[in-house]
Amino acid sequence: MRRAELERLGIQLPVLPAIVLGPLPGGAGWAERLARIGLDVVASGAEEDDPASVAGARAAAPHLPAKARAADAAGLAGAGPLIVETAGPVPEGAYRLGPDEAVVAAVAGDDPAVEDVMDVARRILRLAREGTPSALWSVAGPGLDRLPPDAVEAKLSVLVEGTRQARLYLAKEQFDL
């Protein structure tokens, strides 16, 4: 994560931001749920976003940064500060969240079993200690769109709580120094 680039765009994120990658079951309409669950970045949940789905996600959670998915992000030009999940280029004013980002896949998107919160926190901490915690995204990996919505919500709740626990432990380590 290039924190300076995000800040230049006006996108404020905590250390180890919790974010979901890939589409979500049932397509659009997830932004309000993601905000309620406590993710640091909201998304529409669509397989492919357009200006309308981005605007809907922003309206549902105007206090949080928004992420869009787009194979060709040029159509999202002018959408304002935005994180775009894509392998290709992004328009001016957007941050590219591509396959080269440092992520810790703290919950599996392709397994319906809900992870243990402390296992998630330990997984995050292990990778955070190997590098720079502020350069990592704490993510739910792709594949969630193939799971039932209630399982997805449970897994994302565990991601949020595990990320919170990891942040608290990292803060305690810093304080103890």
Protein backbone atom coordinates (compact mmCIF):
# COMPACT_ATOMS: atom_id res chain seq x y z
CA MET A 1 0.00 0.00 0.00
CA ARG A 2 1.38 3.35 -0.95
CA ARG A 3 0.05 5.35 1.98
CA ALA A 4 1.35 8.68 0.63
CA GLU A 5 -0.57 8.17 -2.60
CA LEU A 6 -3.76 7.36 -0.70
CA GLU A 7 -3.37 10.46 1.50
CA ARG A 8 -2.73 12.64 -1.58
CA LEU A 9 -6.08 11.42 -2.93
CA GLY A 10 -7.82 12.22 0.36
CA ILE A 11 -8.34 8.57 1.28
CA GLN A 12 -7.74 8.06 5.01
CA LEU A 13 -7.21 4.50 6.22
CA PRO A 14 -6.08 2.96 9.50
CA VAL A 15 -3.09 0.65 9.75
CA LEU A 16 -4.11 -2.77 8.41
CA PRO A 17 -7.33 -1.65 6.75
CA ALA A 18 -9.94 -4.40 6.55
CA ILE A 19 -11.27 -4.75 3.02
CA VAL A 20 -13.05 -7.36 0.93
CA LEU A 21 -11.70 -8.40 -2.47
CA GLY A 22 -13.80 -9.75 -5.28
CA PRO A 23 -17.56 -9.62 -5.76
CA LEU A 24 -20.09 -10.54 -3.10
CA PRO A 25 -23.15 -12.80 -3.36
CA GLY A 26 -26.22 -11.25 -4.86
CA GLY A 27 -24.27 -8.49 -6.60
CA ALA A 28 -24.72 -4.86 -5.64
CA GLY A 29 -26.06 -3.49 -2.38
CA TRP A 30 -23.36 -4.50 0.06
CA ALA A 31 -22.01 -1.09 1.06
CA GLU A 32 -24.43 -0.57 3.95
CA ARG A 33 -23.80 -4.12 5.24
CA LEU A 34 -20.01 -3.69 5.03
CA ALA A 35 -20.22 -0.43 6.97
CA ARG A 36 -22.45 -2.06 9.61
CA ILE A 37 -20.04 -5.00 9.94
CA GLY A 38 -17.18 -2.53 10.42
CA LEU A 39 -15.00 -2.86 7.34
CA ASP A 40 -12.72 0.13 6.75
CA VAL A 41 -13.59 0.32 3.04
CA VAL A 42 -17.02 -0.27 1.51
CA ALA A 43 -17.92 -1.66 -1.89
CA SER A 44 -21.08 -2.29 -3.87
CA GLY A 45 -20.37 -6.01 -4.06
CA ALA A 46 -20.84 -6.04 -7.82
CA GLU A 47 -18.72 -8.14 -10.16
CA GLU A 48 -18.05 -4.99 -12.23
CA ASP A 49 -18.75 -1.48 -10.97
CA ASP A 50 -19.98 1.50 -12.94
CA PRO A 51 -20.53 5.12 -11.85
CA ALA A 52 -24.03 4.31 -10.55
CA SER A 53 -22.88 1.42 -8.33
CA VAL A 54 -20.00 3.54 -6.97
CA ALA A 55 -22.41 6.40 -6.23
CA GLY A 56 -24.72 3.94 -4.45
CA ALA A 57 -21.89 2.62 -2.29
CA ARG A 58 -20.82 6.17 -1.40
CA ALA A 59 -24.39 7.16 -0.53
CA ALA A 60 -24.83 4.11 1.71
CA ALA A 61 -21.64 4.87 3.70
CA PRO A 62 -20.48 8.43 2.95
CA HIS A 63 -18.10 8.42 5.93
CA LEU A 64 -15.98 5.53 4.56
CA PRO A 65 -13.66 5.18 1.55
CA ALA A 66 -15.19 3.27 -1.36
CA LYS A 67 -13.70 0.52 -3.49
CA ALA A 68 -14.82 -0.40 -6.98
CA ARG A 69 -14.07 -3.41 -9.16
CA ALA A 70 -13.39 -2.78 -12.81
CA ALA A 71 -11.51 -4.54 -15.57
CA ASP A 72 -11.43 -1.22 -17.42
CA ALA A 73 -11.48 1.54 -14.82
CA ALA A 74 -11.59 4.39 -17.37
CA GLY A 75 -15.39 4.45 -17.02
CA LEU A 76 -14.98 5.43 -13.36
CA ALA A 77 -13.22 8.71 -14.18
CA GLY A 78 -14.61 11.57 -12.16
CA ALA A 79 -16.03 9.31 -9.44
CA GLY A 80 -13.93 11.11 -6.83
CA PRO A 81 -11.37 9.55 -4.51
CA LEU A 82 -11.73 5.86 -5.05
CA ILE A 83 -9.84 2.61 -4.54
CA VAL A 84 -10.15 0.50 -7.66
CA GLU A 85 -9.56 -3.25 -7.58
CA THR A 86 -8.09 -3.91 -11.01
CA ALA A 87 -5.06 -5.29 -12.79
CA GLY A 88 -5.12 -2.40 -15.28
CA PRO A 89 -4.60 1.35 -15.04
CA VAL A 90 -6.91 3.65 -13.10
CA PRO A 91 -8.11 7.18 -13.86
CA GLU A 92 -6.65 10.27 -12.18
CA GLY A 93 -7.91 10.53 -8.62
CA ALA A 94 -8.14 6.78 -8.05
CA TYR A 95 -5.85 4.35 -6.24
CA ARG A 96 -5.08 1.07 -7.98
CA LEU A 97 -5.47 -1.95 -5.70
CA GLY A 98 -3.87 -4.54 -7.93
CA PRO A 99 -2.48 -8.05 -7.67
CA ASP A 100 0.91 -6.66 -6.58
CA GLU A 101 -0.41 -5.17 -3.30
CA ALA A 102 0.77 -6.57 0.01
CA VAL A 103 -2.24 -8.32 1.49
CA VAL A 104 -2.83 -10.77 4.26
CA ALA A 105 -5.74 -13.01 3.30
CA ALA A 106 -6.96 -13.31 6.85
CA VAL A 107 -10.16 -15.15 5.94
CA ALA A 108 -10.63 -17.54 3.04
CA GLY A 109 -13.19 -16.53 0.48
CA ASP A 110 -13.54 -20.01 -0.95
CA ASP A 111 -14.38 -21.87 2.28
CA PRO A 112 -17.78 -21.53 3.99
CA ALA A 113 -16.32 -22.35 7.43
CA VAL A 114 -16.04 -19.28 9.64
CA GLU A 115 -12.53 -18.77 10.97
CA ASP A 116 -11.66 -18.28 14.64
CA VAL A 117 -11.09 -14.60 15.50
CA MET A 118 -7.80 -15.26 17.30
CA ASP A 119 -6.50 -17.39 14.40
CA VAL A 120 -7.26 -14.47 12.10
CA ALA A 121 -5.46 -12.04 14.43
CA ARG A 122 -2.42 -14.35 14.64
CA ARG A 123 -2.28 -14.69 10.85
CA ILE A 124 -2.35 -10.90 10.47
CA LEU A 125 0.28 -10.38 13.17
CA ARG A 126 2.63 -12.94 11.67
CA LEU A 127 2.70 -11.13 8.32
CA ALA A 128 2.67 -7.66 9.88
CA ARG A 129 5.82 -8.50 11.82
CA GLU A 130 7.60 -9.65 8.66
CA GLY A 131 7.21 -6.26 7.01
CA THR A 132 5.62 -2.90 7.59
CA PRO A 133 2.10 -3.17 9.08
CA SER A 134 1.02 0.11 7.49
CA ALA A 135 1.79 -1.38 4.05
CA LEU A 136 -0.62 -4.32 4.45
CA TRP A 137 -4.28 -4.73 3.63
CA SER A 138 -6.21 -7.18 5.81
CA VAL A 139 -8.52 -8.89 3.34
CA ALA A 140 -11.17 -11.46 2.80
CA GLY A 141 -9.98 -13.25 -0.28
CA PRO A 142 -11.95 -13.66 -3.50
CA GLY A 143 -14.61 -16.33 -3.75
CA LEU A 144 -17.10 -14.94 -1.27
CA ASP A 145 -19.65 -14.51 -4.07
CA ARG A 146 -20.08 -18.30 -4.12
CA LEU A 147 -21.05 -18.45 -0.43
CA PRO A 148 -24.44 -17.73 1.20
CA PRO A 149 -24.79 -14.08 2.30
CA ASP A 150 -25.12 -15.00 5.99
CA ALA A 151 -21.84 -16.95 5.86
CA VAL A 152 -20.16 -13.99 4.14
CA GLU A 153 -21.37 -11.62 6.86
CA ALA A 154 -20.09 -13.98 9.57
CA LYS A 155 -16.69 -14.29 7.88
CA LEU A 156 -16.40 -10.52 7.41
CA SER A 157 -17.31 -9.94 11.07
CA VAL A 158 -14.45 -12.25 12.04
CA LEU A 159 -12.12 -10.37 9.66
CA VAL A 160 -13.03 -7.05 11.28
CA GLU A 161 -12.61 -8.34 14.83
CA GLY A 162 -9.38 -10.22 14.04
CA THR A 163 -7.96 -7.10 12.41
CA ARG A 164 -8.98 -5.03 15.45
CA GLN A 165 -7.26 -7.50 17.78
CA ALA A 166 -4.09 -7.41 15.65
CA ARG A 167 -4.08 -3.59 15.68
CA LEU A 168 -4.45 -3.57 19.48
CA TYR A 169 -1.59 -6.00 19.91
CA LEU A 170 0.66 -4.01 17.55
CA ALA A 171 -0.19 -0.83 19.45
CA LYS A 172 0.66 -2.51 22.76
CA GLU A 173 4.00 -3.66 21.35
CA GLN A 174 4.75 -0.08 20.25
CA PHE A 175 3.70 1.30 23.62
CA ASP A 176 5.86 -1.22 25.48
CA LEU A 177 8.92 -0.13 23.51
